[in-house]
């Protein structure tokens, strides 16, 4: 419950920071070249005017539910690098991303990986092992021994 609550709070924070900013323009079906697209497409309306499609990636922080799903993916360490670079390139809501626009998000995602993957997983494993040891002690009836007898065992 503690891990879920902390992930929920982080999801709310990242939803506040990144809501609507991870979308981009897909011009693969148009005749625009890469330099032309970079020169002429700067927001969603330009994208739609040139015949492109405004695409929202599957991992996003547009709402808290999507944020929780993205954090679970980040916690599994599969695909989190793509999510991080998408956030680094984000400019604003309905704005076309630019390469390395917000390098601050690299630090944010590194802290999240360390916090979610290492700290919480280790805490979970520690609780499971501690519970196992307590149950093993209870089942083996060692809890009925005196302290001196326990130290001898």
N, C-alpha and C. Protein backbone atom coordinates (compact mmCIF):
# COMPACT_ATOMS: atom_id res chain seq x y z
N UNK A 1 0.82 -1.20 0.00
CA UNK A 1 0.00 0.00 0.00
C UNK A 1 0.86 1.26 0.00
N UNK A 2 2.00 1.18 0.71
CA UNK A 2 2.90 2.34 0.75
C UNK A 2 3.47 2.61 -0.64
N UNK A 3 3.89 1.57 -1.32
CA UNK A 3 4.45 1.72 -2.66
C UNK A 3 3.39 2.25 -3.62
N UNK A 4 2.17 1.73 -3.53
CA UNK A 4 1.10 2.21 -4.39
C UNK A 4 0.80 3.68 -4.12
N UNK A 5 0.77 4.07 -2.85
CA UNK A 5 0.50 5.47 -2.51
C UNK A 5 1.59 6.40 -3.04
N UNK A 6 2.85 6.01 -2.89
CA UNK A 6 3.94 6.85 -3.38
C UNK A 6 3.90 6.93 -4.90
N UNK A 7 3.61 5.81 -5.55
CA UNK A 7 3.50 5.84 -7.02
C UNK A 7 2.32 6.72 -7.46
N UNK A 8 1.23 6.70 -6.71
CA UNK A 8 0.09 7.55 -7.02
C UNK A 8 0.47 9.03 -6.90
N UNK A 9 1.22 9.37 -5.86
CA UNK A 9 1.65 10.76 -5.69
C UNK A 9 2.62 11.19 -6.80
N UNK A 10 3.53 10.30 -7.17
CA UNK A 10 4.45 10.61 -8.27
C UNK A 10 3.69 10.75 -9.58
N UNK A 11 2.67 9.92 -9.78
CA UNK A 11 1.85 10.02 -10.98
C UNK A 11 1.13 11.36 -11.05
N UNK A 12 0.62 11.83 -9.93
CA UNK A 12 -0.04 13.14 -9.91
C UNK A 12 0.96 14.24 -10.23
N UNK A 13 2.16 14.16 -9.66
CA UNK A 13 3.20 15.16 -9.95
C UNK A 13 3.58 15.16 -11.42
N UNK A 14 3.81 13.99 -12.00
CA UNK A 14 4.20 13.92 -13.40
C UNK A 14 3.05 14.28 -14.33
N UNK A 15 1.82 14.03 -13.91
CA UNK A 15 0.67 14.47 -14.71
C UNK A 15 0.61 15.99 -14.74
N UNK A 16 0.94 16.61 -13.62
CA UNK A 16 0.97 18.07 -13.58
C UNK A 16 2.08 18.62 -14.48
N UNK A 17 3.24 17.96 -14.49
CA UNK A 17 4.37 18.44 -15.27
C UNK A 17 4.25 18.13 -16.77
N UNK A 18 3.73 16.95 -17.12
CA UNK A 18 3.83 16.47 -18.51
C UNK A 18 2.50 16.25 -19.22
N UNK A 19 1.40 16.65 -18.64
CA UNK A 19 0.10 16.39 -19.25
C UNK A 19 -0.01 17.07 -20.62
N UNK A 20 -0.20 16.27 -21.66
CA UNK A 20 -0.38 16.79 -23.01
C UNK A 20 0.89 17.18 -23.73
N UNK A 21 2.03 17.05 -23.09
CA UNK A 21 3.29 17.51 -23.69
C UNK A 21 4.04 16.44 -24.47
N UNK A 22 3.63 15.17 -24.37
CA UNK A 22 4.39 14.10 -24.99
C UNK A 22 3.92 13.76 -26.40
N UNK A 23 2.91 14.43 -26.90
CA UNK A 23 2.39 14.16 -28.25
C UNK A 23 3.31 14.75 -29.30
N UNK A 24 3.22 14.20 -30.50
CA UNK A 24 4.05 14.68 -31.60
C UNK A 24 3.31 14.51 -32.92
N UNK A 25 3.87 15.09 -33.97
CA UNK A 25 3.26 15.04 -35.29
C UNK A 25 3.88 13.90 -36.10
N UNK A 26 3.02 13.10 -36.70
CA UNK A 26 3.46 12.01 -37.58
C UNK A 26 3.21 12.45 -39.01
N UNK A 27 4.30 12.74 -39.74
CA UNK A 27 4.19 13.20 -41.13
C UNK A 27 4.63 12.12 -42.12
N UNK A 28 4.55 10.87 -41.73
CA UNK A 28 5.04 9.80 -42.59
C UNK A 28 4.19 9.62 -43.85
N UNK A 29 2.94 10.02 -43.82
CA UNK A 29 2.07 9.86 -44.99
C UNK A 29 2.02 11.10 -45.86
N UNK A 30 2.81 12.11 -45.57
CA UNK A 30 2.82 13.34 -46.35
C UNK A 30 4.06 13.37 -47.24
N UNK A 31 4.14 14.39 -48.07
CA UNK A 31 5.29 14.54 -48.97
C UNK A 31 6.35 15.46 -48.41
N UNK A 32 6.18 15.92 -47.19
CA UNK A 32 7.18 16.81 -46.58
C UNK A 32 8.44 16.04 -46.22
N UNK A 33 9.58 16.64 -46.49
CA UNK A 33 10.85 16.06 -46.08
C UNK A 33 11.13 16.47 -44.64
N UNK A 34 12.15 15.86 -44.04
CA UNK A 34 12.49 16.18 -42.64
C UNK A 34 12.85 17.66 -42.46
N UNK A 35 13.70 18.26 -43.32
CA UNK A 35 13.99 19.69 -43.12
C UNK A 35 12.76 20.59 -43.30
N UNK A 36 11.89 20.23 -44.25
CA UNK A 36 10.67 21.02 -44.43
C UNK A 36 9.75 20.89 -43.22
N UNK A 37 9.63 19.70 -42.70
CA UNK A 37 8.79 19.48 -41.53
C UNK A 37 9.33 20.25 -40.33
N UNK A 38 10.64 20.24 -40.15
CA UNK A 38 11.23 20.97 -39.03
C UNK A 38 11.03 22.47 -39.18
N UNK A 39 11.02 22.97 -40.41
CA UNK A 39 10.88 24.41 -40.63
C UNK A 39 9.43 24.88 -40.55
N UNK A 40 8.49 24.03 -40.96
CA UNK A 40 7.10 24.49 -41.08
C UNK A 40 6.15 23.99 -40.00
N UNK A 41 6.48 22.90 -39.33
CA UNK A 41 5.55 22.32 -38.35
C UNK A 41 6.08 22.61 -36.95
N UNK A 42 5.36 23.45 -36.21
CA UNK A 42 5.77 23.78 -34.85
C UNK A 42 4.70 23.47 -33.81
N UNK A 43 3.48 23.20 -34.26
CA UNK A 43 2.41 22.88 -33.31
C UNK A 43 1.40 21.93 -33.95
N UNK A 44 0.36 21.57 -33.22
CA UNK A 44 -0.62 20.61 -33.68
C UNK A 44 -1.38 21.12 -34.90
N UNK A 45 -1.70 22.40 -34.94
CA UNK A 45 -2.50 22.94 -36.03
C UNK A 45 -1.70 22.96 -37.33
N UNK A 46 -0.39 23.26 -37.26
CA UNK A 46 0.45 23.17 -38.45
C UNK A 46 0.51 21.72 -38.95
N UNK A 47 0.61 20.80 -38.02
CA UNK A 47 0.66 19.38 -38.36
C UNK A 47 -0.59 18.97 -39.12
N UNK A 48 -1.74 19.35 -38.60
CA UNK A 48 -3.00 18.99 -39.25
C UNK A 48 -3.17 19.70 -40.58
N UNK A 49 -2.69 20.94 -40.71
CA UNK A 49 -2.78 21.68 -41.96
C UNK A 49 -1.93 21.05 -43.06
N UNK A 50 -0.79 20.47 -42.72
CA UNK A 50 0.08 19.83 -43.70
C UNK A 50 -0.28 18.37 -43.94
N UNK A 51 -1.36 17.90 -43.36
CA UNK A 51 -1.83 16.54 -43.60
C UNK A 51 -1.26 15.50 -42.67
N UNK A 52 -0.63 15.93 -41.60
CA UNK A 52 -0.07 14.99 -40.64
C UNK A 52 -1.10 14.54 -39.62
N UNK A 53 -0.66 13.68 -38.74
CA UNK A 53 -1.53 13.17 -37.68
C UNK A 53 -0.88 13.46 -36.33
N UNK A 54 -1.65 14.03 -35.42
CA UNK A 54 -1.15 14.34 -34.07
C UNK A 54 -1.27 13.07 -33.22
N UNK A 55 -0.13 12.51 -32.80
CA UNK A 55 -0.09 11.21 -32.16
C UNK A 55 0.31 11.34 -30.69
N UNK A 56 -0.44 10.67 -29.84
CA UNK A 56 -0.09 10.58 -28.43
C UNK A 56 0.50 9.20 -28.17
N UNK A 57 1.71 9.11 -27.61
CA UNK A 57 2.29 7.79 -27.36
C UNK A 57 1.50 7.01 -26.31
N UNK A 58 1.66 5.70 -26.34
CA UNK A 58 0.90 4.87 -25.40
C UNK A 58 1.35 5.09 -23.96
N UNK A 59 2.63 5.39 -23.75
CA UNK A 59 3.11 5.74 -22.41
C UNK A 59 3.09 7.25 -22.29
N UNK A 60 2.16 7.76 -21.49
CA UNK A 60 2.05 9.21 -21.33
C UNK A 60 1.55 9.52 -19.92
N UNK A 61 1.53 10.79 -19.62
CA UNK A 61 1.06 11.26 -18.31
C UNK A 61 -0.09 12.24 -18.51
N UNK A 62 -0.97 11.95 -19.46
CA UNK A 62 -2.10 12.85 -19.73
C UNK A 62 -3.14 12.82 -18.61
N UNK A 63 -3.26 11.71 -17.91
CA UNK A 63 -4.12 11.63 -16.74
C UNK A 63 -3.45 10.71 -15.72
N UNK A 64 -4.02 10.64 -14.55
CA UNK A 64 -3.38 9.88 -13.46
C UNK A 64 -3.36 8.38 -13.76
N UNK A 65 -4.39 7.86 -14.41
CA UNK A 65 -4.41 6.44 -14.74
C UNK A 65 -3.30 6.08 -15.71
N UNK A 66 -3.14 6.88 -16.77
CA UNK A 66 -2.04 6.65 -17.72
C UNK A 66 -0.70 6.85 -17.04
N UNK A 67 -0.64 7.79 -16.12
CA UNK A 67 0.60 8.00 -15.37
C UNK A 67 0.98 6.81 -14.52
N UNK A 68 -0.02 6.20 -13.87
CA UNK A 68 0.25 4.99 -13.08
C UNK A 68 0.72 3.85 -13.97
N UNK A 69 0.11 3.68 -15.13
CA UNK A 69 0.53 2.64 -16.05
C UNK A 69 1.96 2.90 -16.54
N UNK A 70 2.27 4.15 -16.83
CA UNK A 70 3.62 4.49 -17.26
C UNK A 70 4.63 4.25 -16.15
N UNK A 71 4.26 4.53 -14.91
CA UNK A 71 5.17 4.28 -13.79
C UNK A 71 5.36 2.78 -13.56
N UNK A 72 4.32 1.97 -13.77
CA UNK A 72 4.49 0.52 -13.66
C UNK A 72 5.44 0.01 -14.74
N UNK A 73 5.34 0.56 -15.95
CA UNK A 73 6.27 0.19 -17.03
C UNK A 73 7.67 0.64 -16.66
N UNK A 74 7.79 1.84 -16.11
CA UNK A 74 9.10 2.34 -15.67
C UNK A 74 9.68 1.46 -14.58
N UNK A 75 8.83 0.97 -13.68
CA UNK A 75 9.28 0.12 -12.60
C UNK A 75 9.76 -1.23 -13.12
N UNK A 76 9.21 -1.71 -14.21
CA UNK A 76 9.65 -2.98 -14.78
C UNK A 76 10.93 -2.81 -15.61
N UNK A 77 11.34 -1.59 -15.84
CA UNK A 77 12.55 -1.23 -16.59
C UNK A 77 12.50 -1.66 -18.04
N UNK A 78 11.31 -1.77 -18.61
CA UNK A 78 11.14 -2.09 -20.02
C UNK A 78 10.51 -0.89 -20.73
N UNK A 79 11.23 -0.27 -21.62
CA UNK A 79 10.68 0.85 -22.38
C UNK A 79 10.74 2.19 -21.69
N UNK A 80 11.39 2.28 -20.54
CA UNK A 80 11.42 3.55 -19.83
C UNK A 80 12.34 4.56 -20.50
N UNK A 81 13.32 4.09 -21.26
CA UNK A 81 14.24 5.02 -21.92
C UNK A 81 13.51 5.81 -23.00
N UNK A 82 12.62 5.15 -23.74
CA UNK A 82 11.82 5.84 -24.74
C UNK A 82 10.94 6.90 -24.09
N UNK A 83 10.35 6.56 -22.96
CA UNK A 83 9.52 7.51 -22.22
C UNK A 83 10.35 8.69 -21.75
N UNK A 84 11.56 8.43 -21.26
CA UNK A 84 12.42 9.51 -20.79
C UNK A 84 12.80 10.45 -21.93
N UNK A 85 13.20 9.90 -23.08
CA UNK A 85 13.61 10.77 -24.19
C UNK A 85 12.43 11.52 -24.79
N UNK A 86 11.25 10.95 -24.74
CA UNK A 86 10.06 11.67 -25.17
C UNK A 86 9.81 12.87 -24.26
N UNK A 87 10.00 12.69 -22.96
CA UNK A 87 9.83 13.80 -22.02
C UNK A 87 10.92 14.84 -22.19
N UNK A 88 12.14 14.40 -22.47
CA UNK A 88 13.25 15.35 -22.66
C UNK A 88 13.00 16.21 -23.89
N UNK A 89 12.41 15.65 -24.93
CA UNK A 89 12.16 16.40 -26.17
C UNK A 89 10.90 17.25 -26.11
N UNK A 90 10.09 17.13 -25.06
CA UNK A 90 8.82 17.85 -25.01
C UNK A 90 9.03 19.35 -24.87
N UNK A 91 8.16 20.09 -25.56
CA UNK A 91 8.22 21.56 -25.53
C UNK A 91 7.05 22.12 -24.75
N UNK A 92 5.86 21.71 -25.11
CA UNK A 92 4.66 22.21 -24.45
C UNK A 92 3.44 21.50 -24.98
N UNK A 93 2.29 21.88 -24.47
CA UNK A 93 1.03 21.28 -24.90
C UNK A 93 0.75 21.72 -26.34
N UNK A 94 0.43 20.76 -27.21
CA UNK A 94 0.16 20.98 -28.63
C UNK A 94 1.35 21.58 -29.37
N UNK A 95 2.54 21.35 -28.88
CA UNK A 95 3.77 21.85 -29.54
C UNK A 95 4.58 20.67 -30.05
N UNK A 96 5.19 20.85 -31.20
CA UNK A 96 6.04 19.81 -31.79
C UNK A 96 7.32 19.68 -30.96
N UNK A 97 7.72 18.48 -30.59
CA UNK A 97 8.93 18.30 -29.78
C UNK A 97 10.20 18.74 -30.51
N UNK A 98 11.18 19.18 -29.73
CA UNK A 98 12.51 19.52 -30.23
C UNK A 98 13.53 18.69 -29.46
N UNK A 99 14.56 18.29 -30.11
CA UNK A 99 15.57 17.41 -29.52
C UNK A 99 16.24 18.11 -28.33
N UNK A 100 16.31 17.40 -27.21
CA UNK A 100 16.97 17.85 -25.98
C UNK A 100 16.48 19.21 -25.48
N UNK A 101 15.19 19.39 -25.50
CA UNK A 101 14.61 20.66 -25.04
C UNK A 101 14.66 20.79 -23.52
N UNK A 102 14.31 19.74 -22.78
CA UNK A 102 14.26 19.78 -21.31
C UNK A 102 15.14 18.67 -20.74
N UNK A 103 16.43 18.91 -20.64
CA UNK A 103 17.34 17.88 -20.15
C UNK A 103 17.17 17.63 -18.65
N UNK A 104 16.42 18.47 -17.97
CA UNK A 104 16.12 18.28 -16.56
C UNK A 104 15.40 16.95 -16.32
N UNK A 105 14.59 16.51 -17.29
CA UNK A 105 13.83 15.28 -17.13
C UNK A 105 14.72 14.04 -17.09
N UNK A 106 15.95 14.13 -17.57
CA UNK A 106 16.87 12.99 -17.44
C UNK A 106 17.12 12.71 -15.97
N UNK A 107 17.38 13.76 -15.21
CA UNK A 107 17.59 13.61 -13.77
C UNK A 107 16.34 13.10 -13.07
N UNK A 108 15.18 13.61 -13.47
CA UNK A 108 13.92 13.18 -12.87
C UNK A 108 13.70 11.69 -13.09
N UNK A 109 13.91 11.22 -14.31
CA UNK A 109 13.67 9.81 -14.60
C UNK A 109 14.73 8.92 -13.96
N UNK A 110 15.96 9.39 -13.84
CA UNK A 110 16.98 8.60 -13.15
C UNK A 110 16.61 8.43 -11.67
N UNK A 111 16.14 9.49 -11.04
CA UNK A 111 15.71 9.40 -9.64
C UNK A 111 14.51 8.45 -9.52
N UNK A 112 13.58 8.52 -10.47
CA UNK A 112 12.43 7.62 -10.45
C UNK A 112 12.84 6.16 -10.60
N UNK A 113 13.79 5.89 -11.47
CA UNK A 113 14.24 4.51 -11.66
C UNK A 113 14.89 4.00 -10.38
N UNK A 114 15.73 4.82 -9.79
CA UNK A 114 16.38 4.42 -8.54
C UNK A 114 15.35 4.23 -7.44
N UNK A 115 14.42 5.15 -7.32
CA UNK A 115 13.42 5.08 -6.27
C UNK A 115 12.48 3.89 -6.47
N UNK A 116 11.90 3.77 -7.66
CA UNK A 116 10.90 2.73 -7.90
C UNK A 116 11.51 1.34 -8.04
N UNK A 117 12.59 1.25 -8.77
CA UNK A 117 13.14 -0.08 -9.07
C UNK A 117 13.95 -0.64 -7.91
N UNK A 118 14.80 0.15 -7.36
CA UNK A 118 15.71 -0.37 -6.35
C UNK A 118 15.11 -0.32 -4.95
N UNK A 119 14.68 0.85 -4.53
CA UNK A 119 14.22 1.02 -3.16
C UNK A 119 12.95 0.22 -2.88
N UNK A 120 11.92 0.39 -3.71
CA UNK A 120 10.64 -0.25 -3.44
C UNK A 120 10.69 -1.75 -3.66
N UNK A 121 11.39 -2.20 -4.67
CA UNK A 121 11.48 -3.64 -4.90
C UNK A 121 12.25 -4.29 -3.76
N UNK A 122 13.33 -3.67 -3.33
CA UNK A 122 14.09 -4.21 -2.20
C UNK A 122 13.27 -4.20 -0.92
N UNK A 123 12.47 -3.15 -0.72
CA UNK A 123 11.61 -3.09 0.45
C UNK A 123 10.59 -4.23 0.40
N UNK A 124 10.01 -4.47 -0.76
CA UNK A 124 9.04 -5.54 -0.92
C UNK A 124 9.69 -6.90 -0.65
N UNK A 125 10.85 -7.14 -1.21
CA UNK A 125 11.54 -8.41 -1.00
C UNK A 125 11.91 -8.57 0.47
N UNK A 126 12.36 -7.51 1.12
CA UNK A 126 12.70 -7.57 2.54
C UNK A 126 11.51 -7.94 3.40
N UNK A 127 10.35 -7.38 3.10
CA UNK A 127 9.14 -7.69 3.86
C UNK A 127 8.74 -9.14 3.64
N UNK A 128 8.84 -9.63 2.43
CA UNK A 128 8.49 -11.02 2.15
C UNK A 128 9.44 -11.96 2.90
N UNK A 129 10.74 -11.68 2.89
CA UNK A 129 11.71 -12.54 3.58
C UNK A 129 11.49 -12.48 5.09
N UNK A 130 11.22 -11.30 5.63
CA UNK A 130 10.98 -11.18 7.07
C UNK A 130 9.72 -11.95 7.47
N UNK A 131 8.67 -11.86 6.68
CA UNK A 131 7.45 -12.60 6.97
C UNK A 131 7.70 -14.11 6.89
N UNK A 132 8.48 -14.53 5.91
CA UNK A 132 8.81 -15.95 5.79
C UNK A 132 9.58 -16.43 7.02
N UNK A 133 10.56 -15.66 7.47
CA UNK A 133 11.34 -16.05 8.65
C UNK A 133 10.47 -16.10 9.90
N UNK A 134 9.55 -15.16 10.05
CA UNK A 134 8.65 -15.17 11.20
C UNK A 134 7.74 -16.40 11.18
N UNK A 135 7.21 -16.73 10.02
CA UNK A 135 6.35 -17.91 9.91
C UNK A 135 7.14 -19.19 10.12
N UNK A 136 8.36 -19.23 9.64
CA UNK A 136 9.21 -20.40 9.84
C UNK A 136 9.50 -20.59 11.33
N UNK A 137 9.76 -19.50 12.03
CA UNK A 137 10.00 -19.55 13.48
C UNK A 137 8.76 -20.04 14.21
N UNK A 138 7.60 -19.57 13.80
CA UNK A 138 6.34 -19.95 14.46
C UNK A 138 6.02 -21.42 14.20
N UNK A 139 6.19 -21.87 12.98
CA UNK A 139 5.86 -23.25 12.63
C UNK A 139 6.81 -24.25 13.29
N UNK A 140 8.08 -23.87 13.42
CA UNK A 140 9.05 -24.80 14.00
C UNK A 140 8.96 -24.86 15.53
N UNK A 141 8.06 -24.10 16.12
CA UNK A 141 7.82 -24.04 17.56
C UNK A 141 9.02 -23.52 18.35
N UNK A 142 9.94 -22.84 17.67
CA UNK A 142 11.07 -22.21 18.36
C UNK A 142 10.62 -21.01 19.20
N UNK A 143 9.44 -20.50 18.92
CA UNK A 143 8.95 -19.35 19.69
C UNK A 143 8.61 -19.74 21.13
N UNK A 144 8.47 -21.04 21.41
CA UNK A 144 8.14 -21.50 22.76
C UNK A 144 9.39 -21.70 23.63
N UNK A 145 10.56 -21.57 23.05
CA UNK A 145 11.80 -21.78 23.79
C UNK A 145 12.16 -20.56 24.62
N UNK A 146 12.92 -20.76 25.65
CA UNK A 146 13.46 -19.67 26.45
C UNK A 146 14.58 -18.97 25.68
N UNK A 147 14.90 -17.72 26.02
CA UNK A 147 15.98 -17.01 25.31
C UNK A 147 17.32 -17.73 25.36
N UNK A 148 17.65 -18.36 26.46
CA UNK A 148 18.93 -19.08 26.54
C UNK A 148 18.92 -20.30 25.60
N UNK A 149 17.77 -20.97 25.49
CA UNK A 149 17.67 -22.11 24.59
C UNK A 149 17.73 -21.69 23.14
N UNK A 150 17.16 -20.53 22.83
CA UNK A 150 17.23 -20.02 21.46
C UNK A 150 18.65 -19.67 21.07
N UNK A 151 19.39 -19.06 21.97
CA UNK A 151 20.79 -18.71 21.66
C UNK A 151 21.63 -19.96 21.44
N UNK A 152 21.29 -21.06 22.16
CA UNK A 152 22.02 -22.31 21.98
C UNK A 152 21.75 -22.90 20.59
N UNK A 153 20.49 -22.78 20.09
CA UNK A 153 20.12 -23.32 18.79
C UNK A 153 20.79 -22.48 17.73
